[in-house]
């Protein structure tokens, strides 16, 4: 194979010779102050370098940096860095407009700058509230305006296990009992929140009023609006559900330990496989076999 075809510069030069014969490309080369009859790759490269060096000015550098920040906003996965890069991009575009005399560009990004700044402030404030919600113990007094009052007498059932859940309760006065686990609920406790999260919104326990009192109720439809509208409550609600599940798990472990203790007291070995709840322990009080007539207890 001819070595001329292996030389990339020679290949590019031949391509440029063919391209220079095109009238459109010829006009472009003339605008670049290049001779269409004597065009080479080196000539084009050096001409482009000259153009770049001539146009390196402070306004153009500001525009280039601004374009880089603007392109970076499309790569951000979260809102805070996106807004930060948006603000930096607006600042450099404003500098380009002011130094380069592009008044339209300056005014446009002058309008965009406060929008990005306000949104960044709101997001940072929201993140701070979310951290407070995760670390602190939030009161739910602000939730009361969204709720309706309802009174109960001793013996009334707030809801039964397995029923379709449509609302959540906040105890204000009186006492209430979770009958399945025997836990008493004092005033100020949210009740029925797990039904909001369970499949088909089914109640997971029965709650009975054991002392006359009143509760505040909120429907799940309204609760959903509050959940998405108030991030503080959203985090509080998730913490509440997680704490309730952890409490149930601890209560279950305590019940299993008590059951094992009863089996050990009955002389049953619990070191192997875990016994099935409800299984009957073997009778260890059965009478011993009677001795034979010789009193030896052995075989005759």
Protein backbone atom coordinates (compact mmCIF):
# COMPACT_ATOMS: atom_id res chain seq x y z
CA UNK A 1 0.00 0.00 0.00
CA UNK A 2 1.27 3.43 -0.89
CA UNK A 3 2.69 5.26 2.15
CA UNK A 4 0.89 8.42 1.00
CA UNK A 5 -2.44 6.92 2.12
CA UNK A 6 -1.01 6.09 5.53
CA UNK A 7 -0.15 9.70 6.24
CA UNK A 8 -3.16 11.31 7.93
CA UNK A 9 -2.01 14.80 7.05
CA UNK A 10 -1.87 13.84 3.37
CA UNK A 11 -5.34 12.32 3.56
CA UNK A 12 -6.73 15.46 5.18
CA UNK A 13 -5.03 17.64 2.60
CA UNK A 14 -6.59 15.67 -0.25
CA UNK A 15 -9.98 15.93 1.44
CA UNK A 16 -9.55 19.68 1.82
CA UNK A 17 -8.58 20.01 -1.85
CA UNK A 18 -11.81 18.32 -2.83
CA UNK A 19 -13.81 20.37 -0.35
CA UNK A 20 -12.27 23.63 -1.60
CA UNK A 21 -13.84 22.96 -4.98
CA UNK A 22 -17.29 23.36 -3.38
CA UNK A 23 -18.54 26.95 -3.75
CA UNK A 24 -20.04 27.11 -0.24
CA UNK A 25 -16.88 25.87 1.40
CA UNK A 26 -14.81 28.17 -0.82
CA UNK A 27 -16.76 31.18 0.46
CA UNK A 28 -16.22 30.02 4.01
CA UNK A 29 -12.47 29.70 3.45
CA UNK A 30 -12.33 33.18 1.95
CA UNK A 31 -14.11 34.57 5.04
CA UNK A 32 -11.46 32.87 7.15
CA UNK A 33 -8.81 34.64 5.02
CA UNK A 34 -7.57 31.35 3.56
CA UNK A 35 -6.55 30.73 -0.04
CA UNK A 36 -8.93 28.08 -1.49
CA UNK A 37 -6.34 27.15 -4.13
CA UNK A 38 -3.69 26.40 -1.52
CA UNK A 39 -5.51 24.94 1.45
CA UNK A 40 -3.91 22.52 3.94
CA UNK A 41 -4.76 21.13 7.35
CA UNK A 42 -1.87 23.03 8.95
CA UNK A 43 -3.09 26.29 7.42
CA UNK A 44 -6.59 25.82 8.83
CA UNK A 45 -5.25 24.85 12.27
CA UNK A 46 -2.97 27.87 12.51
CA UNK A 47 -5.73 30.17 11.31
CA UNK A 48 -8.15 28.86 13.97
CA UNK A 49 -5.49 29.34 16.66
CA UNK A 50 -5.03 32.94 15.50
CA UNK A 51 -8.79 33.55 15.66
CA UNK A 52 -8.99 32.11 19.18
CA UNK A 53 -6.08 34.20 20.42
CA UNK A 54 -7.49 37.37 18.90
CA UNK A 55 -10.90 36.81 20.50
CA UNK A 56 -9.67 35.94 24.01
CA UNK A 57 -11.14 38.91 25.85
CA UNK A 58 -12.57 39.31 29.32
CA UNK A 59 -16.21 39.42 28.09
CA UNK A 60 -15.72 36.32 25.96
CA UNK A 61 -14.01 34.47 28.82
CA UNK A 62 -16.95 35.35 31.09
CA UNK A 63 -19.34 34.00 28.46
CA UNK A 64 -17.31 30.81 28.12
CA UNK A 65 -17.25 30.22 31.90
CA UNK A 66 -20.96 31.00 32.13
CA UNK A 67 -21.70 28.49 29.38
CA UNK A 68 -19.70 25.87 31.30
CA UNK A 69 -21.71 26.45 34.50
CA UNK A 70 -24.94 26.40 32.51
CA UNK A 71 -24.03 23.05 30.93
CA UNK A 72 -23.15 21.70 34.39
CA UNK A 73 -26.70 22.35 35.62
CA UNK A 74 -27.92 19.59 33.30
CA UNK A 75 -25.60 17.11 35.03
CA UNK A 76 -26.78 17.80 38.59
CA UNK A 77 -28.95 15.17 40.27
CA UNK A 78 -30.03 17.28 43.25
CA UNK A 79 -31.56 20.73 43.46
CA UNK A 80 -29.02 22.53 45.68
CA UNK A 81 -25.97 22.19 43.37
CA UNK A 82 -28.23 22.80 40.37
CA UNK A 83 -29.34 26.16 41.81
CA UNK A 84 -25.76 27.04 42.80
CA UNK A 85 -24.46 26.44 39.29
CA UNK A 86 -27.45 28.33 37.91
CA UNK A 87 -26.57 31.36 40.05
CA UNK A 88 -22.90 31.23 38.99
CA UNK A 89 -23.93 30.95 35.36
CA UNK A 90 -26.22 33.97 35.68
CA UNK A 91 -23.46 36.04 37.33
CA UNK A 92 -20.94 35.34 34.57
CA UNK A 93 -23.51 35.94 31.83
CA UNK A 94 -24.33 39.27 33.48
CA UNK A 95 -20.62 40.12 33.49
CA UNK A 96 -20.43 39.24 29.81
CA UNK A 97 -23.44 41.41 29.04
CA UNK A 98 -22.10 44.37 31.03
CA UNK A 99 -18.54 44.19 29.65
CA UNK A 100 -19.46 43.22 26.12
CA UNK A 101 -22.34 45.63 25.66
CA UNK A 102 -24.97 42.88 25.34
CA UNK A 103 -27.74 44.66 27.24
CA UNK A 104 -30.37 42.03 26.40
CA UNK A 105 -28.25 39.23 27.87
CA UNK A 106 -27.52 41.31 30.96
CA UNK A 107 -31.20 42.07 31.64
CA UNK A 108 -32.34 38.49 31.03
CA UNK A 109 -29.89 36.97 33.51
CA UNK A 110 -30.49 39.82 35.93
CA UNK A 111 -34.08 38.59 36.12
CA UNK A 112 -33.03 34.95 36.47
CA UNK A 113 -30.57 35.63 39.31
CA UNK A 114 -33.14 36.42 42.06
CA UNK A 115 -35.34 33.51 40.97
CA UNK A 116 -32.51 31.01 41.43
CA UNK A 117 -31.43 32.72 44.66
CA UNK A 118 -34.90 32.56 46.20
CA UNK A 119 -35.34 28.93 45.21
CA UNK A 120 -31.94 28.05 46.68
CA UNK A 121 -32.88 29.78 49.95
CA UNK A 122 -36.16 27.87 50.09
CA UNK A 123 -34.45 24.53 49.45
CA UNK A 124 -31.76 25.14 52.09
CA UNK A 125 -34.44 26.18 54.58
CA UNK A 126 -36.40 23.05 53.74
CA UNK A 127 -33.35 20.86 54.29
CA UNK A 128 -32.77 22.46 57.71
CA UNK A 129 -36.38 21.80 58.68
CA UNK A 130 -36.07 18.21 57.52
CA UNK A 131 -32.97 17.71 59.68
CA UNK A 132 -34.76 19.20 62.68
CA UNK A 133 -37.68 16.87 62.01
CA UNK A 134 -35.36 13.85 61.92
CA UNK A 135 -33.33 14.75 65.00
CA UNK A 136 -35.94 16.44 67.19
CA UNK A 137 -39.26 15.51 68.75
CA UNK A 138 -41.89 17.50 66.90
CA UNK A 139 -45.14 18.61 68.44
CA UNK A 140 -48.27 18.13 66.37
CA UNK A 141 -50.24 21.07 67.74
CA UNK A 142 -50.04 22.76 64.35
CA UNK A 143 -51.88 19.74 62.90
CA UNK A 144 -54.99 20.41 65.01
CA UNK A 145 -56.52 23.05 62.68
CA UNK A 146 -56.77 20.34 60.02
CA UNK A 147 -58.65 17.94 62.35
CA UNK A 148 -62.22 17.50 63.60
CA UNK A 149 -63.23 16.82 67.20
CA UNK A 150 -65.06 13.64 68.26
CA UNK A 151 -66.04 12.40 71.73
CA UNK A 152 -66.10 8.83 73.05
CA UNK A 153 -67.49 7.20 76.19
CA UNK A 154 -66.03 4.34 78.16
CA UNK A 155 -66.50 1.08 76.27
CA UNK A 156 -66.75 2.70 72.82
CA UNK A 157 -64.59 1.23 70.07
CA UNK A 158 -62.59 3.69 67.98
CA UNK A 159 -61.85 1.04 65.37
CA UNK A 160 -61.43 -2.73 65.13
CA UNK A 161 -58.63 -4.82 63.72
CA UNK A 162 -59.16 -5.64 60.05
CA UNK A 163 -61.52 -2.74 59.36
CA UNK A 164 -60.86 -0.42 56.43
CA UNK A 165 -58.98 2.60 57.79
CA UNK A 166 -60.09 6.02 56.57
CA UNK A 167 -58.82 8.40 59.25
CA UNK A 168 -56.15 9.01 61.87
CA UNK A 169 -56.75 10.02 65.50
CA UNK A 170 -55.02 12.31 67.99
CA UNK A 171 -56.01 11.66 71.59
CA UNK A 172 -56.70 14.84 73.57
CA UNK A 173 -58.52 13.71 76.73
CA UNK A 174 -59.44 10.35 78.25
CA UNK A 175 -57.65 7.01 78.02
CA UNK A 176 -57.63 4.39 75.29
CA UNK A 177 -56.45 0.79 75.13
CA UNK A 178 -54.95 -1.24 72.29
CA UNK A 179 -56.73 -4.46 73.20
CA UNK A 180 -54.50 -6.95 71.33
CA UNK A 181 -51.33 -5.94 73.17
CA UNK A 182 -52.74 -4.28 76.28
CA UNK A 183 -51.05 -0.91 75.73
CA UNK A 184 -52.73 2.18 77.18
CA UNK A 185 -52.67 5.38 75.12
CA UNK A 186 -52.50 8.64 77.08
CA UNK A 187 -53.58 12.05 75.71
CA UNK A 188 -51.38 13.51 72.99
CA UNK A 189 -50.79 10.29 71.05
CA UNK A 190 -51.39 9.75 67.36
CA UNK A 191 -53.40 6.61 66.68
CA UNK A 192 -54.23 4.83 63.46
CA UNK A 193 -51.25 6.01 61.42
CA UNK A 194 -50.22 2.49 60.38
CA UNK A 195 -53.51 2.03 58.55
CA UNK A 196 -52.37 4.85 56.28
CA UNK A 197 -49.35 2.78 55.23
CA UNK A 198 -50.66 -0.79 55.19
CA UNK A 199 -51.91 -2.46 51.99
CA UNK A 200 -55.61 -1.81 51.40
CA UNK A 201 -55.57 0.52 54.45
CA UNK A 202 -56.50 -2.20 56.94
CA UNK A 203 -56.44 -1.62 60.70
CA UNK A 204 -53.71 -3.59 62.48
CA UNK A 205 -55.25 -3.48 65.98
CA UNK A 206 -58.39 -2.63 67.96
CA UNK A 207 -58.54 0.53 70.09
CA UNK A 208 -61.12 0.87 72.87
CA UNK A 209 -62.01 3.86 75.01
CA UNK A 210 -61.51 3.00 78.71
CA UNK A 211 -62.17 6.49 80.07
CA UNK A 212 -64.49 9.17 78.68
CA UNK A 213 -62.60 11.58 76.47
CA UNK A 214 -62.25 13.25 73.09
CA UNK A 215 -60.05 12.81 70.06
CA UNK A 216 -59.24 14.80 66.95
CA UNK A 217 -59.61 13.04 63.61
CA UNK A 218 -58.25 13.69 60.14
CA UNK A 219 -59.17 11.77 57.01
CA UNK A 220 -56.45 10.02 55.02
CA UNK A 221 -57.21 12.18 51.97
CA UNK A 222 -56.57 15.33 53.99
CA UNK A 223 -53.60 13.67 55.67
CA UNK A 224 -52.09 12.99 52.26
CA UNK A 225 -52.33 16.69 51.41
CA UNK A 226 -50.66 17.64 54.69
CA UNK A 227 -48.01 14.95 54.22
CA UNK A 228 -46.84 16.36 50.88
CA UNK A 229 -47.46 20.00 51.77
CA UNK A 230 -45.55 20.03 55.06
CA UNK A 231 -42.19 18.20 54.95
CA UNK A 232 -41.83 18.61 58.74
CA UNK A 233 -44.88 16.46 59.29
CA UNK A 234 -43.77 14.05 56.56
CA UNK A 235 -40.56 13.24 58.39
CA UNK A 236 -42.34 13.18 61.74
CA UNK A 237 -44.91 10.76 60.35
CA UNK A 238 -42.22 8.42 59.01
CA UNK A 239 -40.40 8.50 62.35
CA UNK A 240 -43.65 7.80 64.16
CA UNK A 241 -44.41 4.77 61.99
CA UNK A 242 -40.84 3.47 62.35
CA UNK A 243 -40.93 3.88 66.15
CA UNK A 244 -44.26 2.08 66.32
CA UNK A 245 -42.88 -0.85 64.31
CA UNK A 246 -39.77 -1.01 66.51
CA UNK A 247 -41.94 -1.02 69.62
CA UNK A 248 -44.03 -3.87 68.22
CA UNK A 249 -40.87 -5.80 67.39
CA UNK A 250 -39.48 -5.30 70.91
CA UNK A 251 -42.81 -6.38 72.41
CA UNK A 252 -42.82 -9.52 70.26
CA UNK A 253 -39.28 -10.40 71.34
CA UNK A 254 -40.26 -9.94 74.99
CA UNK A 255 -43.25 -12.24 74.49
CA UNK A 256 -41.04 -14.92 72.93
CA UNK A 257 -38.57 -14.68 75.81
CA UNK A 258 -41.40 -15.07 78.33
CA UNK A 259 -42.68 -18.12 76.45
CA UNK A 260 -39.21 -19.67 76.44
CA UNK A 261 -38.90 -19.00 80.16
CA UNK A 262 -42.17 -20.85 80.79
CA UNK A 263 -40.99 -23.81 78.72
CA UNK A 264 -37.67 -23.93 80.58
CA UNK A 265 -39.52 -23.84 83.88
CA UNK A 266 -41.52 -26.83 82.64
CA UNK A 267 -38.29 -28.70 81.86
CA UNK A 268 -38.40 -28.34 78.07
CA UNK A 269 -35.10 -27.87 76.23
CA UNK A 270 -35.29 -24.61 74.21
CA UNK A 271 -31.69 -24.66 72.95
CA UNK A 272 -32.68 -26.37 69.69
CA UNK A 273 -35.34 -25.33 67.23
CA UNK A 274 -37.70 -22.66 68.47
CA UNK A 275 -40.97 -24.15 69.71
CA UNK A 276 -44.18 -23.36 67.98
CA UNK A 277 -46.41 -20.95 69.83
CA UNK A 278 -49.38 -22.75 71.28
CA UNK A 279 -47.63 -26.13 71.50
CA UNK A 280 -48.36 -28.14 74.64
CA UNK A 281 -45.41 -28.91 76.88
CA UNK A 282 -44.90 -32.60 77.71
CA UNK A 283 -46.29 -33.81 81.03
CA UNK A 284 -43.37 -34.27 83.42
CA UNK A 285 -45.55 -35.24 86.40
CA UNK A 286 -46.55 -38.71 85.14
CA UNK A 287 -46.24 -41.39 87.87
CA UNK A 288 -43.24 -43.74 87.80
CA UNK A 289 -43.85 -47.41 86.88
CA UNK A 290 -44.69 -49.59 89.91
CA UNK A 291 -42.03 -51.84 91.36
CA UNK A 292 -42.36 -55.62 91.06
CA UNK A 293 -43.39 -57.86 93.91
CA UNK A 294 -39.77 -58.63 94.83
CA UNK A 295 -39.14 -54.96 95.48
CA UNK A 296 -36.10 -54.98 93.20
CA UNK A 297 -37.71 -53.08 90.35
CA UNK A 298 -35.84 -55.32 87.87
CA UNK A 299 -36.94 -58.11 85.62
CA UNK A 300 -38.08 -61.36 87.16
